[in-house]
Protein backbone atom coordinates (compact mmCIF):
# COMPACT_ATOMS: atom_id res chain seq x y z
CA UNK A 1 -65.92 63.44 -4.25
CA UNK A 2 -62.33 62.96 -3.56
CA UNK A 3 -60.63 59.79 -4.53
CA UNK A 4 -58.44 58.17 -1.96
CA UNK A 5 -55.14 57.23 -3.45
CA UNK A 6 -54.00 53.75 -2.69
CA UNK A 7 -50.71 53.67 -0.95
CA UNK A 8 -48.19 51.58 -2.77
CA UNK A 9 -46.36 49.31 -0.44
CA UNK A 10 -42.70 49.12 -1.01
CA UNK A 11 -41.53 45.54 -1.46
CA UNK A 12 -38.72 44.39 0.75
CA UNK A 13 -35.82 42.97 -1.16
CA UNK A 14 -33.09 40.73 0.14
CA UNK A 15 -29.73 41.53 -1.44
CA UNK A 16 -28.20 38.45 -3.05
CA UNK A 17 -25.19 40.04 -4.71
CA UNK A 18 -22.68 38.58 -2.26
CA UNK A 19 -24.13 35.04 -2.15
CA UNK A 20 -21.61 33.70 -4.67
CA UNK A 21 -18.73 35.22 -2.71
CA UNK A 22 -19.91 33.62 0.52
CA UNK A 23 -20.34 30.23 -1.16
CA UNK A 24 -16.84 30.47 -2.64
CA UNK A 25 -15.33 31.34 0.75
CA UNK A 26 -17.14 28.39 2.38
CA UNK A 27 -15.81 26.02 -0.27
CA UNK A 28 -12.26 27.26 0.31
CA UNK A 29 -12.69 26.97 4.07
CA UNK A 30 -13.87 23.36 3.88
CA UNK A 31 -11.15 22.43 1.39
CA UNK A 32 -8.47 23.77 3.71
CA UNK A 33 -9.81 22.30 6.93
CA UNK A 34 -10.82 18.83 5.72
CA UNK A 35 -8.47 16.04 6.73
CA UNK A 36 -8.46 12.95 4.57
CA UNK A 37 -7.96 9.77 6.53
CA UNK A 38 -5.17 7.52 5.39
CA UNK A 39 -4.27 4.05 6.51
CA UNK A 40 -1.30 3.94 8.84
CA UNK A 41 -0.82 0.19 9.12
CA UNK A 42 1.71 -1.37 11.43
CA UNK A 43 5.25 -0.18 12.08
CA UNK A 44 7.58 -2.28 9.99
CA UNK A 45 10.83 -2.28 8.06
CA UNK A 46 10.34 -3.28 4.43
CA UNK A 47 12.85 -5.60 2.75
CA UNK A 48 15.32 -4.02 0.33
CA UNK A 49 15.14 -4.81 -3.39
CA UNK A 50 17.68 -4.21 -6.15
CA UNK A 51 14.93 -3.58 -8.72
CA UNK A 52 11.34 -2.53 -8.19
CA UNK A 53 8.31 -1.35 -10.11
CA UNK A 54 6.03 1.38 -8.82
CA UNK A 55 2.25 0.91 -8.89
CA UNK A 56 0.85 4.26 -9.95
CA UNK A 57 -2.84 3.48 -9.52
CA UNK A 58 -4.24 4.05 -6.05
CA UNK A 59 -7.85 3.28 -6.78
CA UNK A 60 -7.51 -0.48 -7.25
CA UNK A 61 -4.97 -1.09 -4.48
CA UNK A 62 -5.48 -2.47 -0.96
CA UNK A 63 -2.68 -2.88 1.56
CA UNK A 64 -2.13 -5.70 4.02
CA UNK A 65 0.51 -5.27 6.74
CA UNK A 66 2.52 -8.01 8.49
CA UNK A 67 4.71 -6.84 11.35
CA UNK A 68 7.60 -8.57 13.12
CA UNK A 69 5.30 -9.95 15.83
CA UNK A 70 3.19 -11.75 13.21
CA UNK A 71 0.16 -9.44 13.44
CA UNK A 72 -1.86 -8.88 10.27
CA UNK A 73 -3.64 -5.60 9.55
CA UNK A 74 -6.07 -4.50 6.84
CA UNK A 75 -7.74 -1.06 6.99
CA UNK A 76 -6.05 -0.38 10.36
CA UNK A 77 -7.72 -3.44 11.94
CA UNK A 78 -5.74 -6.32 13.43
CA UNK A 79 -7.13 -9.53 11.93
CA UNK A 80 -6.70 -13.28 12.22
CA UNK A 81 -6.56 -15.64 9.22
CA UNK A 82 -10.34 -16.16 8.93
CA UNK A 83 -10.98 -12.42 9.16
CA UNK A 84 -8.39 -11.80 6.44
CA UNK A 85 -10.29 -14.18 4.18
CA UNK A 86 -13.68 -12.54 4.82
CA UNK A 87 -12.44 -8.92 4.56
CA UNK A 88 -10.47 -9.65 1.39
CA UNK A 89 -13.31 -11.56 -0.25
CA UNK A 90 -15.64 -8.61 0.44
CA UNK A 91 -13.12 -6.23 -1.12
CA UNK A 92 -12.67 -8.50 -4.16
CA UNK A 93 -16.45 -8.76 -4.57
CA UNK A 94 -16.69 -4.95 -4.62
CA UNK A 95 -13.74 -4.51 -6.99
CA UNK A 96 -12.57 -7.56 -9.01
CA UNK A 97 -9.52 -5.62 -10.33
CA UNK A 98 -8.17 -5.09 -6.81
CA UNK A 99 -4.41 -5.50 -6.31
CA UNK A 100 -3.39 -6.63 -2.82
CA UNK A 101 -0.07 -5.12 -1.71
CA UNK A 102 1.60 -7.21 1.00
CA UNK A 103 3.77 -5.01 3.22
CA UNK A 104 5.71 -7.54 5.29
CA UNK A 105 8.48 -6.72 7.76
CA UNK A 106 11.88 -7.97 6.67
CA UNK A 107 12.34 -9.90 9.92
CA UNK A 108 9.07 -11.88 9.76
CA UNK A 109 9.29 -15.61 9.12
CA UNK A 110 8.15 -16.88 5.76
CA UNK A 111 5.60 -19.17 7.43
CA UNK A 112 3.49 -16.15 8.48
CA UNK A 113 3.76 -14.64 5.01
CA UNK A 114 2.74 -17.97 3.49
CA UNK A 115 -0.31 -18.15 5.78
CA UNK A 116 -1.43 -14.72 4.61
CA UNK A 117 -0.81 -15.65 0.96
CA UNK A 118 -2.92 -18.79 1.41
CA UNK A 119 -5.69 -16.70 3.01
CA UNK A 120 -5.58 -14.25 0.09
CA UNK A 121 -5.73 -17.15 -2.37
CA UNK A 122 -8.75 -18.58 -0.53
CA UNK A 123 -10.45 -15.18 -0.70
CA UNK A 124 -9.96 -15.04 -4.47
CA UNK A 125 -7.28 -12.35 -4.52
CA UNK A 126 -5.13 -13.38 -7.46
CA UNK A 127 -3.37 -10.05 -8.04
CA UNK A 128 -0.79 -9.83 -5.26
CA UNK A 129 2.43 -7.85 -5.05
CA UNK A 130 5.02 -7.27 -2.33
CA UNK A 131 6.11 -3.83 -1.17
CA UNK A 132 9.85 -3.25 -0.87
CA UNK A 133 12.32 -0.42 -0.36
CA UNK A 134 14.48 0.42 -3.36
CA UNK A 135 18.21 0.02 -2.79
CA UNK A 136 20.08 3.02 -4.18
CA UNK A 137 23.60 2.22 -5.25
């Protein structure tokens, strides 16, 4: 009696040698094509200072813009005084070490700047600085 030999099935194999290369190329592609959104704020001319100090940290900094027309902007949103208080208090609650940088136009009246400073004080923002342009002699 003859024995019937079992046919061995050949296993199909998916080649994975180039998987790492493809993943690396995808990472490079996404790094090159990703656009990080930055805040643009309002168009303004900063006052000129004779001496200034640069804030190197960007993580604990939030900007507030005041243009010549008296508009106030935080995170590219035009806000009124009550909105400034609520937005700033939310930011301070998330990060108590937050430094508020006031970027006020040089032609704006001090009354508008004072209103914003009072709103920041009401919101609990106690670390406030003013942005200026450095005067080179």
